[in-house]
Amino acid sequence: MSLCDLASQVTELYPDYEVPKLPEDTQLGLVRVEAVPKKLMALGLHFTPLEKIIKDAVESLRRRGCIA
């Protein structure tokens, strides 16, 4: 996942917030790794879905008064 993908996801979840659009090439050379997460999951590691991470972060910022 790139920063552009993250910004798009935040925009989808919170359309009322102005999230800057990022160019696709903000992270040149970024390579998606799939083998490592599969191995970690086989060892019992559970990943938190990105949507939950974003929602938790936004709710925390709201509670602290950092965003409205």
C-alpha atoms as a PDB file:
ATOM      1  CA  MET A   1       0.000   0.000   0.000  1.00  0.00           C
ATOM      2  CA  SER A   2       1.299   3.420  -0.917  1.00  0.00           C
ATOM      3  CA  LEU A   3       0.660   6.814   0.670  1.00  0.00           C
ATOM      4  CA  CYS A   4      -1.649   7.540  -2.264  1.00  0.00           C
ATOM      5  CA  ASP A   5      -3.693   4.416  -1.421  1.00  0.00           C
ATOM      6  CA  LEU A   6      -3.853   5.456   2.231  1.00  0.00           C
ATOM      7  CA  ALA A   7      -5.049   8.964   1.339  1.00  0.00           C
ATOM      8  CA  SER A   8      -7.714   7.478  -0.941  1.00  0.00           C
ATOM      9  CA  GLN A   9      -8.925   5.156   1.828  1.00  0.00           C
ATOM     10  CA  VAL A  10      -9.189   8.039   4.327  1.00  0.00           C
ATOM     11  CA  THR A  11     -11.111  10.084   1.739  1.00  0.00           C
ATOM     12  CA  GLU A  12     -13.563   7.198   1.222  1.00  0.00           C
ATOM     13  CA  LEU A  13     -14.162   6.744   4.951  1.00  0.00           C
ATOM     14  CA  TYR A  14     -14.285  10.453   5.818  1.00  0.00           C
ATOM     15  CA  PRO A  15     -15.436  12.465   2.784  1.00  0.00           C
ATOM     16  CA  ASP A  16     -16.051  15.542   4.980  1.00  0.00           C
ATOM     17  CA  TYR A  17     -12.322  15.914   5.633  1.00  0.00           C
ATOM     18  CA  GLU A  18     -10.090  17.516   3.038  1.00  0.00           C
ATOM     19  CA  VAL A  19      -7.386  14.947   2.408  1.00  0.00           C
ATOM     20  CA  PRO A  20      -4.685  16.068  -0.023  1.00  0.00           C
ATOM     21  CA  LYS A  21      -4.448  14.110  -3.247  1.00  0.00           C
ATOM     22  CA  LEU A  22      -1.028  12.564  -3.624  1.00  0.00           C
ATOM     23  CA  PRO A  23       0.631  11.715  -6.922  1.00  0.00           C
ATOM     24  CA  GLU A  24       1.018   8.015  -7.671  1.00  0.00           C
ATOM     25  CA  ASP A  25       4.806   8.313  -7.801  1.00  0.00           C
ATOM     26  CA  THR A  26       5.348   9.480  -4.207  1.00  0.00           C
ATOM     27  CA  GLN A  27       7.081   6.235  -3.300  1.00  0.00           C
ATOM     28  CA  LEU A  28       9.122   5.169  -6.295  1.00  0.00           C
ATOM     29  CA  GLY A  29      10.587   1.706  -5.970  1.00  0.00           C
ATOM     30  CA  LEU A  30       8.035   0.557  -3.380  1.00  0.00           C
ATOM     31  CA  VAL A  31       7.579  -3.197  -3.744  1.00  0.00           C
ATOM     32  CA  ARG A  32       4.644  -5.108  -2.282  1.00  0.00           C
ATOM     33  CA  VAL A  33       5.775  -8.044  -0.149  1.00  0.00           C
ATOM     34  CA  GLU A  34       3.364 -10.940   0.240  1.00  0.00           C
ATOM     35  CA  ALA A  35       5.492 -13.878   1.402  1.00  0.00           C
ATOM     36  CA  VAL A  36       6.464 -12.342   4.755  1.00  0.00           C
ATOM     37  CA  PRO A  37       2.887 -11.621   5.947  1.00  0.00           C
ATOM     38  CA  LYS A  38       1.844 -15.187   5.050  1.00  0.00           C
ATOM     39  CA  LYS A  39       4.694 -16.583   7.131  1.00  0.00           C
ATOM     40  CA  LEU A  40       3.836 -14.295  10.045  1.00  0.00           C
ATOM     41  CA  MET A  41       0.175 -15.293   9.854  1.00  0.00           C
ATOM     42  CA  ALA A  42       1.211 -18.954   9.877  1.00  0.00           C
ATOM     43  CA  LEU A  43       3.022 -18.204  13.143  1.00  0.00           C
ATOM     44  CA  GLY A  44      -0.185 -16.774  14.636  1.00  0.00           C
ATOM     45  CA  LEU A  45       0.197 -13.045  13.984  1.00  0.00           C
ATOM     46  CA  HIS A  46      -3.084 -11.313  13.173  1.00  0.00           C
ATOM     47  CA  PHE A  47      -3.047  -8.082  11.184  1.00  0.00           C
ATOM     48  CA  THR A  48      -5.486  -5.276  11.977  1.00  0.00           C
ATOM     49  CA  PRO A  49      -7.448  -4.221   8.875  1.00  0.00           C
ATOM     50  CA  LEU A  50      -6.456  -0.798   7.543  1.00  0.00           C
ATOM     51  CA  GLU A  51     -10.034   0.483   7.784  1.00  0.00           C
ATOM     52  CA  LYS A  52     -10.070  -0.206  11.546  1.00  0.00           C
ATOM     53  CA  ILE A  53      -6.678   1.473  12.006  1.00  0.00           C
ATOM     54  CA  ILE A  54      -7.887   4.602  10.191  1.00  0.00           C
ATOM     55  CA  LYS A  55     -11.184   4.734  12.103  1.00  0.00           C
ATOM     56  CA  ASP A  56      -9.427   4.261  15.454  1.00  0.00           C
ATOM     57  CA  ALA A  57      -6.917   7.005  14.621  1.00  0.00           C
ATOM     58  CA  VAL A  58      -9.626   9.476  13.563  1.00  0.00           C
ATOM     59  CA  GLU A  59     -11.724   8.754  16.659  1.00  0.00           C
ATOM     60  CA  SER A  60      -8.666   9.240  18.885  1.00  0.00           C
ATOM     61  CA  LEU A  61      -7.878  12.573  17.214  1.00  0.00           C
ATOM     62  CA  ARG A  62     -11.503  13.656  17.669  1.00  0.00           C
ATOM     63  CA  ARG A  63     -11.524  12.737  21.383  1.00  0.00           C
ATOM     64  CA  ARG A  64      -8.345  14.731  21.945  1.00  0.00           C
ATOM     65  CA  GLY A  65      -9.760  17.737  20.114  1.00  0.00           C
ATOM     66  CA  CYS A  66      -7.121  17.653  17.379  1.00  0.00           C
ATOM     67  CA  ILE A  67      -9.797  17.498  14.661  1.00  0.00           C
ATOM     68  CA  ALA A  68     -13.472  18.366  14.615  1.00  0.00           C
END
